[in-house]
């Protein structure tokens, strides 16, 4: 099963994965809005950094779930 297929399956069946994915998408939208501004204040730069770190943590957790699911499926 491809990574995309596993991801789609998890999105449909795994509540935690869906929640992480939705939050990751929300962070992506916030970041796009923030960096799309013509001028960023120091607070905006800090907020962008915070969002990026949170988004990365979400992605790491999703990747962990994907790996775990792939290992279980291989058994």
N, C-alpha and C. Protein backbone atom coordinates (compact mmCIF):
# COMPACT_ATOMS: atom_id res chain seq x y z
N UNK A 1 0.85 -1.18 0.00
CA UNK A 1 0.00 0.00 0.00
C UNK A 1 0.90 1.24 0.00
N UNK A 2 0.59 2.21 -0.86
CA UNK A 2 1.40 3.42 -0.95
C UNK A 2 1.18 4.32 0.26
N UNK A 3 2.12 5.23 0.48
CA UNK A 3 2.00 6.18 1.59
C UNK A 3 0.72 7.00 1.49
N UNK A 4 0.37 7.41 0.26
CA UNK A 4 -0.84 8.21 0.07
C UNK A 4 -2.09 7.40 0.42
N UNK A 5 -2.09 6.12 0.06
CA UNK A 5 -3.24 5.27 0.37
C UNK A 5 -3.36 5.07 1.87
N UNK A 6 -2.23 4.86 2.54
CA UNK A 6 -2.24 4.70 3.99
C UNK A 6 -2.72 5.99 4.65
N UNK A 7 -2.25 7.12 4.15
CA UNK A 7 -2.67 8.41 4.69
C UNK A 7 -4.18 8.59 4.54
N UNK A 8 -4.71 8.27 3.38
CA UNK A 8 -6.15 8.40 3.14
C UNK A 8 -6.95 7.47 4.07
N UNK A 9 -6.43 6.27 4.26
CA UNK A 9 -7.09 5.32 5.16
C UNK A 9 -7.09 5.86 6.59
N UNK A 10 -5.96 6.39 7.03
CA UNK A 10 -5.87 6.94 8.38
C UNK A 10 -6.77 8.16 8.55
N UNK A 11 -6.84 9.00 7.54
CA UNK A 11 -7.72 10.16 7.62
C UNK A 11 -9.18 9.74 7.78
N UNK A 12 -9.54 8.65 7.15
CA UNK A 12 -10.92 8.18 7.21
C UNK A 12 -11.23 7.42 8.50
N UNK A 13 -10.22 6.74 9.06
CA UNK A 13 -10.50 5.82 10.16
C UNK A 13 -9.89 6.20 11.50
N UNK A 14 -8.86 6.98 11.51
CA UNK A 14 -8.12 7.27 12.74
C UNK A 14 -8.39 8.70 13.20
N UNK A 15 -9.12 8.84 14.30
CA UNK A 15 -9.50 10.16 14.80
C UNK A 15 -8.32 11.05 15.16
N UNK A 16 -7.31 10.47 15.81
CA UNK A 16 -6.15 11.27 16.20
C UNK A 16 -5.42 11.79 14.97
N UNK A 17 -5.24 10.92 13.97
CA UNK A 17 -4.55 11.33 12.75
C UNK A 17 -5.31 12.44 12.06
N UNK A 18 -6.64 12.31 11.98
CA UNK A 18 -7.49 13.34 11.35
C UNK A 18 -7.35 14.67 12.07
N UNK A 19 -7.35 14.63 13.41
CA UNK A 19 -7.21 15.84 14.22
C UNK A 19 -5.86 16.51 13.96
N UNK A 20 -4.80 15.71 13.94
CA UNK A 20 -3.46 16.25 13.68
C UNK A 20 -3.39 16.86 12.28
N UNK A 21 -3.97 16.18 11.31
CA UNK A 21 -3.97 16.66 9.92
C UNK A 21 -4.72 17.99 9.82
N UNK A 22 -5.89 18.05 10.43
CA UNK A 22 -6.68 19.28 10.38
C UNK A 22 -5.94 20.44 11.04
N UNK A 23 -5.30 20.16 12.17
CA UNK A 23 -4.55 21.21 12.86
C UNK A 23 -3.35 21.65 12.03
N UNK A 24 -2.70 20.70 11.36
CA UNK A 24 -1.57 21.01 10.49
C UNK A 24 -2.02 21.92 9.35
N UNK A 25 -3.18 21.61 8.77
CA UNK A 25 -3.72 22.45 7.69
C UNK A 25 -4.06 23.85 8.20
N UNK A 26 -4.61 23.94 9.40
CA UNK A 26 -4.93 25.25 9.99
C UNK A 26 -3.66 26.07 10.19
N UNK A 27 -2.60 25.41 10.65
CA UNK A 27 -1.31 26.10 10.83
C UNK A 27 -0.78 26.59 9.49
N UNK A 28 -0.92 25.76 8.47
CA UNK A 28 -0.47 26.14 7.13
C UNK A 28 -1.22 27.38 6.65
N UNK A 29 -2.52 27.41 6.87
CA UNK A 29 -3.32 28.57 6.47
C UNK A 29 -2.91 29.83 7.25
N UNK A 30 -2.70 29.68 8.55
CA UNK A 30 -2.27 30.82 9.37
C UNK A 30 -0.92 31.35 8.88
N UNK A 31 -0.03 30.43 8.58
CA UNK A 31 1.31 30.82 8.14
C UNK A 31 1.26 31.54 6.79
N UNK A 32 0.46 31.02 5.88
CA UNK A 32 0.32 31.67 4.57
C UNK A 32 -0.22 33.09 4.72
N UNK A 33 -1.22 33.24 5.59
CA UNK A 33 -1.79 34.57 5.82
C UNK A 33 -0.75 35.51 6.42
N UNK A 34 0.00 35.00 7.37
CA UNK A 34 0.98 35.82 8.07
C UNK A 34 2.12 36.26 7.15
N UNK A 35 2.71 35.32 6.43
CA UNK A 35 3.85 35.69 5.58
C UNK A 35 3.42 36.39 4.31
N UNK A 36 2.12 36.39 4.02
CA UNK A 36 1.62 37.11 2.86
C UNK A 36 1.47 38.60 3.10
N UNK A 37 1.68 39.02 4.33
CA UNK A 37 1.58 40.45 4.63
C UNK A 37 2.78 41.18 4.03
N UNK A 38 2.57 42.43 3.62
CA UNK A 38 3.68 43.18 2.99
C UNK A 38 4.84 43.42 3.96
N UNK A 39 4.52 43.66 5.22
CA UNK A 39 5.57 43.93 6.22
C UNK A 39 5.26 43.12 7.47
N UNK A 40 6.28 42.45 8.01
CA UNK A 40 6.10 41.68 9.23
C UNK A 40 6.79 42.38 10.40
N UNK A 41 6.06 42.52 11.47
CA UNK A 41 6.62 43.10 12.69
C UNK A 41 7.45 42.02 13.39
N UNK A 42 8.25 42.42 14.38
CA UNK A 42 8.99 41.42 15.15
C UNK A 42 8.05 40.39 15.80
N UNK A 43 6.88 40.84 16.22
CA UNK A 43 5.90 39.90 16.80
C UNK A 43 5.42 38.92 15.73
N UNK A 44 5.19 39.42 14.51
CA UNK A 44 4.78 38.55 13.41
C UNK A 44 5.85 37.49 13.11
N UNK A 45 7.12 37.91 13.13
CA UNK A 45 8.22 36.96 12.90
C UNK A 45 8.23 35.88 13.97
N UNK A 46 8.04 36.28 15.22
CA UNK A 46 8.00 35.32 16.32
C UNK A 46 6.82 34.37 16.17
N UNK A 47 5.68 34.91 15.79
CA UNK A 47 4.48 34.08 15.61
C UNK A 47 4.68 33.10 14.47
N UNK A 48 5.30 33.55 13.38
CA UNK A 48 5.57 32.66 12.25
C UNK A 48 6.49 31.52 12.68
N UNK A 49 7.50 31.84 13.46
CA UNK A 49 8.42 30.81 13.95
C UNK A 49 7.68 29.82 14.85
N UNK A 50 6.81 30.31 15.73
CA UNK A 50 6.05 29.45 16.62
C UNK A 50 5.15 28.51 15.82
N UNK A 51 4.48 29.06 14.82
CA UNK A 51 3.59 28.26 13.98
C UNK A 51 4.39 27.18 13.24
N UNK A 52 5.54 27.56 12.69
CA UNK A 52 6.37 26.59 11.97
C UNK A 52 6.80 25.44 12.87
N UNK A 53 7.21 25.76 14.09
CA UNK A 53 7.64 24.71 15.02
C UNK A 53 6.48 23.79 15.40
N UNK A 54 5.32 24.38 15.63
CA UNK A 54 4.15 23.58 15.97
C UNK A 54 3.74 22.69 14.79
N UNK A 55 3.78 23.27 13.61
CA UNK A 55 3.43 22.53 12.40
C UNK A 55 4.39 21.35 12.20
N UNK A 56 5.66 21.56 12.46
CA UNK A 56 6.66 20.49 12.34
C UNK A 56 6.39 19.38 13.36
N UNK A 57 6.04 19.76 14.58
CA UNK A 57 5.73 18.77 15.61
C UNK A 57 4.51 17.94 15.20
N UNK A 58 3.52 18.59 14.62
CA UNK A 58 2.33 17.88 14.15
C UNK A 58 2.71 16.89 13.03
N UNK A 59 3.55 17.34 12.12
CA UNK A 59 3.96 16.48 11.02
C UNK A 59 4.76 15.29 11.54
N UNK A 60 5.63 15.52 12.50
CA UNK A 60 6.41 14.43 13.08
C UNK A 60 5.50 13.38 13.71
N UNK A 61 4.47 13.83 14.42
CA UNK A 61 3.53 12.89 15.05
C UNK A 61 2.74 12.12 13.99
N UNK A 62 2.33 12.80 12.92
CA UNK A 62 1.61 12.12 11.85
C UNK A 62 2.50 11.07 11.18
N UNK A 63 3.76 11.41 10.96
CA UNK A 63 4.71 10.48 10.36
C UNK A 63 4.91 9.25 11.26
N UNK A 64 4.95 9.48 12.55
CA UNK A 64 5.08 8.38 13.50
C UNK A 64 3.88 7.44 13.40
N UNK A 65 2.69 8.01 13.31
CA UNK A 65 1.48 7.19 13.17
C UNK A 65 1.50 6.43 11.85
N UNK A 66 1.93 7.08 10.77
CA UNK A 66 2.03 6.42 9.47
C UNK A 66 2.99 5.23 9.53
N UNK A 67 4.16 5.44 10.14
CA UNK A 67 5.14 4.35 10.24
C UNK A 67 4.59 3.20 11.07
N UNK A 68 3.96 3.52 12.19
CA UNK A 68 3.38 2.50 13.04
C UNK A 68 2.31 1.70 12.30
N UNK A 69 1.47 2.40 11.58
CA UNK A 69 0.40 1.74 10.81
C UNK A 69 1.00 0.85 9.72
N UNK A 70 2.05 1.34 9.06
CA UNK A 70 2.68 0.55 8.00
C UNK A 70 3.31 -0.71 8.57
N UNK A 71 3.92 -0.62 9.75
CA UNK A 71 4.52 -1.79 10.37
C UNK A 71 3.46 -2.82 10.75
N UNK A 72 2.34 -2.34 11.28
CA UNK A 72 1.25 -3.25 11.65
C UNK A 72 0.66 -3.93 10.42
N UNK A 73 0.55 -3.18 9.34
CA UNK A 73 -0.01 -3.73 8.10
C UNK A 73 0.93 -4.77 7.48
N UNK A 74 2.22 -4.61 7.70
CA UNK A 74 3.20 -5.53 7.12
C UNK A 74 3.23 -6.87 7.85
N UNK A 75 2.67 -6.91 9.05
CA UNK A 75 2.70 -8.16 9.84
C UNK A 75 1.65 -9.11 9.41
